[in-house]
Amino acid sequence: MVAPTSTSKEVFIQGVTSAGKTFRPSDWAERLAGVMSQFRPGGARATPGAHLSYSPWCIPTTLGGVKCVVVHVDLHGHEPMAWDFVMNFAKDNDLQVIEACLLPDGRG
């Protein structure tokens, strides 16, 4: 897979196949983001305890009741093989991928 082609800063990997079926297991997003936790600005060793949190470049979330992983395009620039890994994960599992931008929650 190549880098995103639009001006979007994020790619959403949705836990729904192209046929509309929910992807299993139910914790797939947390597992994928956990594997990617070492890829972060400055590297995994830059921040003590960083291995205990998700990378800001690969964050699991739920949008509209659908499990997703939000992948920031900066991952591609810093770790192209890690980018390829997450994009190939989506492709191999027939998951829907959307280029977009996650806006901050305006509440509170």
PDB file of N, CA and C in Angstrom:
ATOM      1  N   MET A   1       0.847  -1.177   0.000  1.00  0.00           N
ATOM      2  CA  MET A   1       0.000   0.000   0.000  1.00  0.00           C
ATOM      3  C   MET A   1       0.892   1.238   0.000  1.00  0.00           C
ATOM      4  N   VAL A   2       0.360   2.286  -0.549  1.00  0.00           N
ATOM      5  CA  VAL A   2       1.102   3.537  -0.614  1.00  0.00           C
ATOM      6  C   VAL A   2       0.498   4.549   0.345  1.00  0.00           C
ATOM      7  N   ALA A   3       1.149   5.680   0.462  1.00  0.00           N
ATOM      8  CA  ALA A   3       0.661   6.752   1.328  1.00  0.00           C
ATOM      9  C   ALA A   3      -0.665   7.291   0.807  1.00  0.00           C
ATOM     10  N   PRO A   4      -1.445   7.905   1.676  1.00  0.00           N
ATOM     11  CA  PRO A   4      -2.708   8.500   1.236  1.00  0.00           C
ATOM     12  C   PRO A   4      -2.473   9.529   0.136  1.00  0.00           C
ATOM     13  N   THR A   5      -3.440   9.666  -0.743  1.00  0.00           N
ATOM     14  CA  THR A   5      -3.285  10.550  -1.892  1.00  0.00           C
ATOM     15  C   THR A   5      -3.959  11.903  -1.700  1.00  0.00           C
ATOM     16  N   SER A   6      -4.803  12.041  -0.705  1.00  0.00           N
ATOM     17  CA  SER A   6      -5.490  13.312  -0.490  1.00  0.00           C
ATOM     18  C   SER A   6      -4.767  14.125   0.577  1.00  0.00           C
ATOM     19  N   THR A   7      -5.379  15.213   0.966  1.00  0.00           N
ATOM     20  CA  THR A   7      -4.801  16.049   2.008  1.00  0.00           C
ATOM     21  C   THR A   7      -5.228  15.595   3.397  1.00  0.00           C
ATOM     22  N   SER A   8      -5.939  14.502   3.500  1.00  0.00           N
ATOM     23  CA  SER A   8      -6.369  13.976   4.794  1.00  0.00           C
ATOM     24  C   SER A   8      -5.160  13.621   5.629  1.00  0.00           C
ATOM     25  N   LYS A   9      -5.292  13.819   6.924  1.00  0.00           N
ATOM     26  CA  LYS A   9      -4.205  13.509   7.847  1.00  0.00           C
ATOM     27  C   LYS A   9      -4.368  12.144   8.494  1.00  0.00           C
ATOM     28  N   GLU A  10      -5.519  11.528   8.315  1.00  0.00           N
ATOM     29  CA  GLU A  10      -5.779  10.255   8.967  1.00  0.00           C
ATOM     30  C   GLU A  10      -6.494   9.295   8.028  1.00  0.00           C
ATOM     31  N   VAL A  11      -6.282   8.027   8.302  1.00  0.00           N
ATOM     32  CA  VAL A  11      -6.963   6.949   7.601  1.00  0.00           C
ATOM     33  C   VAL A  11      -7.718   6.161   8.654  1.00  0.00           C
ATOM     34  N   PHE A  12      -8.981   5.898   8.387  1.00  0.00           N
ATOM     35  CA  PHE A  12      -9.813   5.122   9.304  1.00  0.00           C
ATOM     36  C   PHE A  12      -9.953   3.712   8.758  1.00  0.00           C
ATOM     37  N   ILE A  13      -9.486   2.753   9.528  1.00  0.00           N
ATOM     38  CA  ILE A  13      -9.716   1.344   9.200  1.00  0.00           C
ATOM     39  C   ILE A  13     -10.935   0.936  10.010  1.00  0.00           C
ATOM     40  N   GLN A  14     -12.009   0.625   9.324  1.00  0.00           N
ATOM     41  CA  GLN A  14     -13.262   0.290   9.991  1.00  0.00           C
ATOM     42  C   GLN A  14     -13.410  -1.218  10.148  1.00  0.00           C
ATOM     43  N   GLY A  15     -14.000  -1.622  11.244  1.00  0.00           N
ATOM     44  CA  GLY A  15     -14.203  -3.034  11.531  1.00  0.00           C
ATOM     45  C   GLY A  15     -15.398  -3.618  10.807  1.00  0.00           C
ATOM     46  N   VAL A  16     -15.534  -3.260   9.538  1.00  0.00           N
ATOM     47  CA  VAL A  16     -16.611  -3.748   8.690  1.00  0.00           C
ATOM     48  C   VAL A  16     -15.997  -4.153   7.358  1.00  0.00           C
ATOM     49  N   THR A  17     -16.344  -5.343   6.884  1.00  0.00           N
ATOM     50  CA  THR A  17     -15.811  -5.808   5.603  1.00  0.00           C
ATOM     51  C   THR A  17     -16.524  -5.103   4.457  1.00  0.00           C
ATOM     52  N   SER A  18     -15.993  -5.271   3.260  1.00  0.00           N
ATOM     53  CA  SER A  18     -16.643  -4.654   2.095  1.00  0.00           C
ATOM     54  C   SER A  18     -18.031  -5.234   1.862  1.00  0.00           C
ATOM     55  N   ALA A  19     -18.303  -6.423   2.411  1.00  0.00           N
ATOM     56  CA  ALA A  19     -19.632  -7.038   2.305  1.00  0.00           C
ATOM     57  C   ALA A  19     -20.563  -6.560   3.423  1.00  0.00           C
ATOM     58  N   GLY A  20     -20.060  -5.683   4.333  1.00  0.00           N
ATOM     59  CA  GLY A  20     -20.895  -5.150   5.395  1.00  0.00           C
ATOM     60  C   GLY A  20     -20.932  -5.986   6.662  1.00  0.00           C
ATOM     61  N   LYS A  21     -20.099  -7.006   6.752  1.00  0.00           N
ATOM     62  CA  LYS A  21     -20.077  -7.863   7.946  1.00  0.00           C
ATOM     63  C   LYS A  21     -19.129  -7.285   8.996  1.00  0.00           C
ATOM     64  N   THR A  22     -19.501  -7.419  10.271  1.00  0.00           N
ATOM     65  CA  THR A  22     -18.663  -6.961  11.372  1.00  0.00           C
ATOM     66  C   THR A  22     -17.445  -7.860  11.493  1.00  0.00           C
ATOM     67  N   PHE A  23     -16.271  -7.247  11.580  1.00  0.00           N
ATOM     68  CA  PHE A  23     -15.013  -7.996  11.690  1.00  0.00           C
ATOM     69  C   PHE A  23     -14.845  -8.508  13.107  1.00  0.00           C
ATOM     70  N   ARG A  24     -14.365  -9.709  13.227  1.00  0.00           N
ATOM     71  CA  ARG A  24     -14.107 -10.357  14.517  1.00  0.00           C
ATOM     72  C   ARG A  24     -12.650 -10.747  14.609  1.00  0.00           C
ATOM     73  N   PRO A  25     -12.061 -10.806  15.779  1.00  0.00           N
ATOM     74  CA  PRO A  25     -12.675 -10.720  17.106  1.00  0.00           C
ATOM     75  C   PRO A  25     -13.043  -9.282  17.467  1.00  0.00           C
ATOM     76  N   SER A  26     -13.864  -9.133  18.489  1.00  0.00           N
ATOM     77  CA  SER A  26     -14.376  -7.809  18.846  1.00  0.00           C
ATOM     78  C   SER A  26     -13.291  -6.858  19.342  1.00  0.00           C
ATOM     79  N   ASP A  27     -12.148  -7.375  19.781  1.00  0.00           N
ATOM     80  CA  ASP A  27     -11.068  -6.506  20.258  1.00  0.00           C
ATOM     81  C   ASP A  27      -9.961  -6.323  19.221  1.00  0.00           C
ATOM     82  N   TRP A  28     -10.273  -6.529  17.954  1.00  0.00           N
ATOM     83  CA  TRP A  28      -9.255  -6.442  16.906  1.00  0.00           C
ATOM     84  C   TRP A  28      -8.572  -5.074  16.877  1.00  0.00           C
ATOM     85  N   ALA A  29      -9.324  -3.988  17.102  1.00  0.00           N
ATOM     86  CA  ALA A  29      -8.756  -2.640  17.015  1.00  0.00           C
ATOM     87  C   ALA A  29      -7.723  -2.414  18.122  1.00  0.00           C
ATOM     88  N   GLU A  30      -8.037  -2.856  19.323  1.00  0.00           N
ATOM     89  CA  GLU A  30      -7.102  -2.718  20.436  1.00  0.00           C
ATOM     90  C   GLU A  30      -5.856  -3.573  20.210  1.00  0.00           C
ATOM     91  N   ARG A  31      -6.037  -4.753  19.652  1.00  0.00           N
ATOM     92  CA  ARG A  31      -4.896  -5.632  19.368  1.00  0.00           C
ATOM     93  C   ARG A  31      -3.970  -5.009  18.323  1.00  0.00           C
ATOM     94  N   LEU A  32      -4.556  -4.507  17.234  1.00  0.00           N
ATOM     95  CA  LEU A  32      -3.752  -3.897  16.172  1.00  0.00           C
ATOM     96  C   LEU A  32      -3.015  -2.666  16.704  1.00  0.00           C
ATOM     97  N   ALA A  33      -3.719  -1.810  17.429  1.00  0.00           N
ATOM     98  CA  ALA A  33      -3.087  -0.613  17.987  1.00  0.00           C
ATOM     99  C   ALA A  33      -2.013  -0.992  19.012  1.00  0.00           C
ATOM    100  N   GLY A  34      -2.220  -2.070  19.743  1.00  0.00           N
ATOM    101  CA  GLY A  34      -1.216  -2.531  20.699  1.00  0.00           C
ATOM    102  C   GLY A  34       0.064  -2.952  20.007  1.00  0.00           C
ATOM    103  N   VAL A  35      -0.058  -3.650  18.904  1.00  0.00           N
ATOM    104  CA  VAL A  35       1.116  -4.055  18.126  1.00  0.00           C
ATOM    105  C   VAL A  35       1.855  -2.826  17.606  1.00  0.00           C
ATOM    106  N   MET A  36       1.113  -1.796  17.266  1.00  0.00           N
ATOM    107  CA  MET A  36       1.701  -0.584  16.692  1.00  0.00           C
ATOM    108  C   MET A  36       2.166   0.420  17.748  1.00  0.00           C
ATOM    109  N   SER A  37       2.004   0.121  19.038  1.00  0.00           N
ATOM    110  CA  SER A  37       2.302   1.091  20.098  1.00  0.00           C
ATOM    111  C   SER A  37       3.761   1.533  20.125  1.00  0.00           C
ATOM    112  N   GLN A  38       4.659   0.710  19.636  1.00  0.00           N
ATOM    113  CA  GLN A  38       6.079   1.087  19.651  1.00  0.00           C
ATOM    114  C   GLN A  38       6.427   2.151  18.612  1.00  0.00           C
ATOM    115  N   PHE A  39       5.571   2.353  17.627  1.00  0.00           N
ATOM    116  CA  PHE A  39       5.835   3.328  16.580  1.00  0.00           C
ATOM    117  C   PHE A  39       5.208   4.661  16.974  1.00  0.00           C
ATOM    118  N   ARG A  40       6.063   5.605  17.361  1.00  0.00           N
ATOM    119  CA  ARG A  40       5.600   6.886  17.877  1.00  0.00           C
ATOM    120  C   ARG A  40       6.656   7.946  17.625  1.00  0.00           C
ATOM    121  N   PRO A  41       6.266   9.222  17.688  1.00  0.00           N
ATOM    122  CA  PRO A  41       7.259  10.284  17.514  1.00  0.00           C
ATOM    123  C   PRO A  41       8.401  10.110  18.514  1.00  0.00           C
ATOM    124  N   GLY A  42       9.616  10.140  18.037  1.00  0.00           N
ATOM    125  CA  GLY A  42      10.779   9.991  18.895  1.00  0.00           C
ATOM    126  C   GLY A  42      11.144   8.552  19.201  1.00  0.00           C
ATOM    127  N   GLY A  43      10.319   7.612  18.790  1.00  0.00           N
ATOM    128  CA  GLY A  43      10.585   6.197  19.048  1.00  0.00           C
ATOM    129  C   GLY A  43      10.048   5.749  20.391  1.00  0.00           C
ATOM    130  N   ALA A  44       9.978   4.449  20.580  1.00  0.00           N
ATOM    131  CA  ALA A  44       9.395   3.867  21.788  1.00  0.00           C
ATOM    132  C   ALA A  44      10.182   4.217  23.037  1.00  0.00           C
ATOM    133  N   ARG A  45      11.472   4.425  22.904  1.00  0.00           N
ATOM    134  CA  ARG A  45      12.304   4.687  24.076  1.00  0.00           C
ATOM    135  C   ARG A  45      12.349   6.164  24.458  1.00  0.00           C
ATOM    136  N   ALA A  46      11.743   7.014  23.651  1.00  0.00           N
ATOM    137  CA  ALA A  46      11.793   8.456  23.906  1.00  0.00           C
ATOM    138  C   ALA A  46      11.035   8.847  25.168  1.00  0.00           C
ATOM    139  N   THR A  47       9.997   8.095  25.500  1.00  0.00           N
ATOM    140  CA  THR A  47       9.167   8.412  26.652  1.00  0.00           C
ATOM    141  C   THR A  47       9.092   7.202  27.570  1.00  0.00           C
ATOM    142  N   PRO A  48       9.553   7.326  28.816  1.00  0.00           N
ATOM    143  CA  PRO A  48       9.443   6.198  29.748  1.00  0.00           C
ATOM    144  C   PRO A  48       7.987   5.769  29.899  1.00  0.00           C
ATOM    145  N   GLY A  49       7.762   4.479  29.843  1.00  0.00           N
ATOM    146  CA  GLY A  49       6.415   3.939  29.979  1.00  0.00           C
ATOM    147  C   GLY A  49       5.586   4.008  28.714  1.00  0.00           C
ATOM    148  N   ALA A  50       6.188   4.422  27.593  1.00  0.00           N
ATOM    149  CA  ALA A  50       5.436   4.564  26.344  1.00  0.00           C
ATOM    150  C   ALA A  50       4.830   3.243  25.897  1.00  0.00           C
ATOM    151  N   HIS A  51       5.471   2.136  26.258  1.00  0.00           N
ATOM    152  CA  HIS A  51       4.959   0.828  25.851  1.00  0.00           C
ATOM    153  C   HIS A  51       3.614   0.512  26.508  1.00  0.00           C
ATOM    154  N   LEU A  52       3.210   1.326  27.467  1.00  0.00           N
ATOM    155  CA  LEU A  52       1.946   1.103  28.162  1.00  0.00           C
ATOM    156  C   LEU A  52       0.785   1.880  27.556  1.00  0.00           C
ATOM    157  N   SER A  53       1.045   2.612  26.478  1.00  0.00           N
ATOM    158  CA  SER A  53      -0.016   3.399  25.846  1.00  0.00           C
ATOM    159  C   SER A  53       0.023   3.204  24.335  1.00  0.00           C
ATOM    160  N   TYR A  54      -1.058   3.593  23.699  1.00  0.00           N
ATOM    161  CA  TYR A  54      -1.119   3.502  22.246  1.00  0.00           C
ATOM    162  C   TYR A  54      -0.285   4.612  21.618  1.00  0.00           C
ATOM    163  N   SER A  55       0.198   4.355  20.432  1.00  0.00           N
ATOM    164  CA  SER A  55       0.903   5.365  19.663  1.00  0.00           C
ATOM    165  C   SER A  55      -0.085   6.436  19.228  1.00  0.00           C
ATOM    166  N   PRO A  56       0.320   7.708  19.217  1.00  0.00           N
ATOM    167  CA  PRO A  56      -0.589   8.734  18.704  1.00  0.00           C
ATOM    168  C   PRO A  56      -0.816   8.593  17.198  1.00  0.00           C
ATOM    169  N   TRP A  57      -0.060   7.720  16.553  1.00  0.00           N
ATOM    170  CA  TRP A  57      -0.212   7.486  15.122  1.00  0.00           C
ATOM    171  C   TRP A  57      -1.162   6.336  14.812  1.00  0.00           C
ATOM    172  N   CYS A  58      -1.614   5.601  15.823  1.00  0.00           N
ATOM    173  CA  CYS A  58      -2.467   4.429  15.587  1.00  0.00           C
ATOM    174  C   CYS A  58      -3.347   4.215  16.818  1.00  0.00           C
ATOM    175  N   ILE A  59      -4.563   4.727  16.753  1.00  0.00           N
ATOM    176  CA  ILE A  59      -5.431   4.765  17.926  1.00  0.00           C
ATOM    177  C   ILE A  59      -6.736   4.006  17.672  1.00  0.00           C
ATOM    178  N   PRO A  60      -7.057   3.070  18.579  1.00  0.00           N
ATOM    179  CA  PRO A  60      -8.345   2.387  18.448  1.00  0.00           C
ATOM    180  C   PRO A  60      -9.467   3.291  18.958  1.00  0.00           C
ATOM    181  N   THR A  61     -10.608   3.207  18.330  1.00  0.00           N
ATOM    182  CA  THR A  61     -11.760   3.997  18.755  1.00  0.00           C
ATOM    183  C   THR A  61     -13.028   3.333  18.243  1.00  0.00           C
ATOM    184  N   THR A  62     -14.155   3.882  18.617  1.00  0.00           N
ATOM    185  CA  THR A  62     -15.443   3.437  18.097  1.00  0.00           C
ATOM    186  C   THR A  62     -16.155   4.661  17.542  1.00  0.00           C
ATOM    187  N   LEU A  63     -16.577   4.584  16.305  1.00  0.00           N
ATOM    188  CA  LEU A  63     -17.291   5.674  15.657  1.00  0.00           C
ATOM    189  C   LEU A  63     -18.614   5.150  15.126  1.00  0.00           C
ATOM    190  N   GLY A  64     -19.680   5.727  15.602  1.00  0.00           N
ATOM    191  CA  GLY A  64     -20.999   5.296  15.156  1.00  0.00           C
ATOM    192  C   GLY A  64     -21.273   3.833  15.454  1.00  0.00           C
ATOM    193  N   GLY A  65     -20.725   3.337  16.556  1.00  0.00           N
ATOM    194  CA  GLY A  65     -20.922   1.947  16.943  1.00  0.00           C
ATOM    195  C   GLY A  65     -20.032   0.958  16.212  1.00  0.00           C
ATOM    196  N   VAL A  66     -19.102   1.461  15.398  1.00  0.00           N
ATOM    197  CA  VAL A  66     -18.208   0.599  14.623  1.00  0.00           C
ATOM    198  C   VAL A  66     -16.784   0.743  15.157  1.00  0.00           C
ATOM    199  N   LYS A  67     -16.154  -0.385  15.492  1.00  0.00           N
ATOM    200  CA  LYS A  67     -14.758  -0.375  15.921  1.00  0.00           C
ATOM    201  C   LYS A  67     -13.898   0.104  14.763  1.00  0.00           C
ATOM    202  N   CYS A  68     -12.939   0.977  15.065  1.00  0.00           N
ATOM    203  CA  CYS A  68     -12.047   1.534  14.047  1.00  0.00           C
ATOM    204  C   CYS A  68     -10.643   1.678  14.626  1.00  0.00           C
ATOM    205  N   VAL A  69      -9.684   1.794  13.737  1.00  0.00           N
ATOM    206  CA  VAL A  69      -8.345   2.231  14.106  1.00  0.00           C
ATOM    207  C   VAL A  69      -8.060   3.457  13.259  1.00  0.00           C
ATOM    208  N   VAL A  70      -7.700   4.549  13.931  1.00  0.00           N
ATOM    209  CA  VAL A  70      -7.359   5.788  13.244  1.00  0.00           C
ATOM    210  C   VAL A  70      -5.837   5.799  13.106  1.00  0.00           C
ATOM    211  N   VAL A  71      -5.376   5.827  11.858  1.00  0.00           N
ATOM    212  CA  VAL A  71      -3.946   5.796  11.562  1.00  0.00           C
ATOM    213  C   VAL A  71      -3.554   7.149  10.977  1.00  0.00           C
ATOM    214  N   HIS A  72      -2.622   7.827  11.639  1.00  0.00           N
ATOM    215  CA  HIS A  72      -2.177   9.135  11.179  1.00  0.00           C
ATOM    216  C   HIS A  72      -1.145   8.956  10.075  1.00  0.00           C
ATOM    217  N   VAL A  73      -1.206   9.826   9.068  1.00  0.00           N
ATOM    218  CA  VAL A  73      -0.302   9.698   7.921  1.00  0.00           C
ATOM    219  C   VAL A  73       1.166   9.908   8.300  1.00  0.00           C
ATOM    220  N   ASP A  74       1.445  10.538   9.431  1.00  0.00           N
ATOM    221  CA  ASP A  74       2.836  10.702   9.865  1.00  0.00           C
ATOM    222  C   ASP A  74       3.524   9.360  10.062  1.00  0.00           C
ATOM    223  N   LEU A  75       2.750   8.318  10.351  1.00  0.00           N
ATOM    224  CA  LEU A  75       3.334   6.982  10.485  1.00  0.00           C
ATOM    225  C   LEU A  75       4.051   6.594   9.201  1.00  0.00           C
ATOM    226  N   HIS A  76       3.454   6.912   8.063  1.00  0.00           N
ATOM    227  CA  HIS A  76       4.070   6.564   6.777  1.00  0.00           C
ATOM    228  C   HIS A  76       5.422   7.243   6.603  1.00  0.00           C
ATOM    229  N   GLY A  77       5.510   8.502   6.987  1.00  0.00           N
ATOM    230  CA  GLY A  77       6.751   9.240   6.832  1.00  0.00           C
ATOM    231  C   GLY A  77       7.870   8.763   7.740  1.00  0.00           C
ATOM    232  N   HIS A  78       7.509   8.289   8.927  1.00  0.00           N
ATOM    233  CA  HIS A  78       8.514   7.878   9.902  1.00  0.00           C
ATOM    234  C   HIS A  78       8.810   6.386   9.880  1.00  0.00           C
ATOM    235  N   GLU A  79       7.796   5.588   9.600  1.00  0.00           N
ATOM    236  CA  GLU A  79       7.948   4.129   9.602  1.00  0.00           C
ATOM    237  C   GLU A  79       7.143   3.522   8.453  1.00  0.00           C
ATOM    238  N   PRO A  80       7.656   3.602   7.217  1.00  0.00           N
ATOM    239  CA  PRO A  80       6.895   3.104   6.066  1.00  0.00           C
ATOM    240  C   PRO A  80       6.510   1.625   6.174  1.00  0.00           C
ATOM    241  N   MET A  81       7.356   0.809   6.779  1.00  0.00           N
ATOM    242  CA  MET A  81       7.020  -0.620   6.904  1.00  0.00           C
ATOM    243  C   MET A  81       5.866  -0.828   7.883  1.00  0.00           C
ATOM    244  N   ALA A  82       5.802  -0.013   8.931  1.00  0.00           N
ATOM    245  CA  ALA A  82       4.689  -0.093   9.878  1.00  0.00           C
ATOM    246  C   ALA A  82       3.394   0.347   9.192  1.00  0.00           C
ATOM    247  N   TRP A  83       3.488   1.398   8.381  1.00  0.00           N
ATOM    248  CA  TRP A  83       2.332   1.852   7.595  1.00  0.00           C
ATOM    249  C   TRP A  83       1.840   0.716   6.698  1.00  0.00           C
ATOM    250  N   ASP A  84       2.767   0.097   5.978  1.00  0.00           N
ATOM    251  CA  ASP A  84       2.403  -1.014   5.094  1.00  0.00           C
ATOM    252  C   ASP A  84       1.749  -2.145   5.872  1.00  0.00           C
ATOM    253  N   PHE A  85       2.239  -2.401   7.075  1.00  0.00           N
ATOM    254  CA  PHE A  85       1.673  -3.473   7.901  1.00  0.00           C
ATOM    255  C   PHE A  85       0.198  -3.210   8.199  1.00  0.00           C
ATOM    256  N   VAL A  86      -0.141  -2.007   8.680  1.00  0.00           N
ATOM    257  CA  VAL A  86      -1.542  -1.742   9.024  1.00  0.00           C
ATOM    258  C   VAL A  86      -2.430  -1.687   7.784  1.00  0.00           C
ATOM    259  N   MET A  87      -1.905  -1.129   6.694  1.00  0.00           N
ATOM    260  CA  MET A  87      -2.707  -1.064   5.469  1.00  0.00           C
ATOM    261  C   MET A  87      -2.915  -2.463   4.878  1.00  0.00           C
ATOM    262  N   ASN A  88      -1.893  -3.306   4.946  1.00  0.00           N
ATOM    263  CA  ASN A  88      -2.046  -4.683   4.467  1.00  0.00           C
ATOM    264  C   ASN A  88      -2.963  -5.495   5.375  1.00  0.00           C
ATOM    265  N   PHE A  89      -2.964  -5.200   6.670  1.00  0.00           N
ATOM    266  CA  PHE A  89      -3.901  -5.845   7.590  1.00  0.00           C
ATOM    267  C   PHE A  89      -5.331  -5.560   7.123  1.00  0.00           C
ATOM    268  N   ALA A  90      -5.594  -4.291   6.827  1.00  0.00           N
ATOM    269  CA  ALA A  90      -6.929  -3.907   6.356  1.00  0.00           C
ATOM    270  C   ALA A  90      -7.268  -4.607   5.042  1.00  0.00           C
ATOM    271  N   LYS A  91      -6.324  -4.607   4.123  1.00  0.00           N
ATOM    272  CA  LYS A  91      -6.552  -5.228   2.813  1.00  0.00           C
ATOM    273  C   LYS A  91      -6.762  -6.733   2.944  1.00  0.00           C
ATOM    274  N   ASP A  92      -5.894  -7.394   3.701  1.00  0.00           N
ATOM    275  CA  ASP A  92      -5.980  -8.851   3.857  1.00  0.00           C
ATOM    276  C   ASP A  92      -7.281  -9.295   4.511  1.00  0.00           C
ATOM    277  N   ASN A  93      -7.853  -8.429   5.360  1.00  0.00           N
ATOM    278  CA  ASN A  93      -9.092  -8.769   6.057  1.00  0.00           C
ATOM    279  C   ASN A  93     -10.316  -8.118   5.434  1.00  0.00           C
ATOM    280  N   ASP A  94     -10.132  -7.518   4.233  1.00  0.00           N
ATOM    281  CA  ASP A  94     -11.219  -6.921   3.466  1.00  0.00           C
ATOM    282  C   ASP A  94     -11.968  -5.849   4.261  1.00  0.00           C
ATOM    283  N   LEU A  95     -11.221  -5.054   5.045  1.00  0.00           N
ATOM    284  CA  LEU A  95     -11.838  -4.013   5.862  1.00  0.00           C
ATOM    285  C   LEU A  95     -11.957  -2.711   5.077  1.00  0.00           C
ATOM    286  N   GLN A  96     -12.972  -1.951   5.402  1.00  0.00           N
ATOM    287  CA  GLN A  96     -13.187  -0.669   4.752  1.00  0.00           C
ATOM    288  C   GLN A  96     -12.175   0.343   5.280  1.00  0.00           C
ATOM    289  N   VAL A  97     -11.567   1.101   4.370  1.00  0.00           N
ATOM    290  CA  VAL A  97     -10.574   2.113   4.718  1.00  0.00           C
ATOM    291  C   VAL A  97     -11.036   3.447   4.131  1.00  0.00           C
ATOM    292  N   ILE A  98     -11.050   4.470   4.979  1.00  0.00           N
ATOM    293  CA  ILE A  98     -11.517   5.785   4.570  1.00  0.00           C
ATOM    294  C   ILE A  98     -10.483   6.839   4.970  1.00  0.00           C
ATOM    295  N   GLU A  99     -10.120   7.693   4.026  1.00  0.00           N
ATOM    296  CA  GLU A  99      -9.250   8.829   4.352  1.00  0.00           C
ATOM    297  C   GLU A  99     -10.127   9.947   4.871  1.00  0.00           C
ATOM    298  N   ALA A 100      -9.747  10.502   6.026  1.00  0.00           N
ATOM    299  CA  ALA A 100     -10.553  11.551   6.644  1.00  0.00           C
ATOM    300  C   ALA A 100      -9.719  12.298   7.654  1.00  0.00           C
ATOM    301  N   CYS A 101     -10.391  13.102   8.452  1.00  0.00           N
ATOM    302  CA  CYS A 101      -9.752  13.843   9.524  1.00  0.00           C
ATOM    303  C   CYS A 101     -10.650  13.776  10.735  1.00  0.00           C
ATOM    304  N   LEU A 102     -10.123  13.284  11.841  1.00  0.00           N
ATOM    305  CA  LEU A 102     -10.887  13.195  13.077  1.00  0.00           C
ATOM    306  C   LEU A 102     -10.882  14.566  13.738  1.00  0.00           C
ATOM    307  N   LEU A 103     -12.065  15.113  13.947  1.00  0.00           N
ATOM    308  CA  LEU A 103     -12.179  16.432  14.564  1.00  0.00           C
ATOM    309  C   LEU A 103     -12.336  16.260  16.062  1.00  0.00           C
ATOM    310  N   PRO A 104     -11.796  17.196  16.848  1.00  0.00           N
ATOM    311  CA  PRO A 104     -11.956  17.105  18.302  1.00  0.00           C
ATOM    312  C   PRO A 104     -13.420  17.222  18.683  1.00  0.00           C
ATOM    313  N   ASP A 105     -13.764  16.564  19.765  1.00  0.00           N
ATOM    314  CA  ASP A 105     -15.122  16.609  20.286  1.00  0.00           C
ATOM    315  C   ASP A 105     -15.394  18.012  20.828  1.00  0.00           C
ATOM    316  N   GLY A 106     -16.442  18.663  20.352  1.00  0.00           N
ATOM    317  CA  GLY A 106     -16.734  20.026  20.749  1.00  0.00           C
ATOM    318  C   GLY A 106     -17.418  20.136  22.111  1.00  0.00           C
ATOM    319  N   ARG A 107     -17.767  19.011  22.708  1.00  0.00           N
ATOM    320  CA  ARG A 107     -18.438  19.037  24.003  1.00  0.00           C
ATOM    321  C   ARG A 107     -17.438  19.295  25.115  1.00  0.00           C
ATOM    322  N   GLY A 108     -17.934  19.920  26.194  1.00  0.00           N
ATOM    323  CA  GLY A 108     -17.160  20.079  27.425  1.00  0.00           C
ATOM    324  C   GLY A 108     -16.131  21.065  27.336  1.00  0.00           C
TER     325      GLY A 108
END
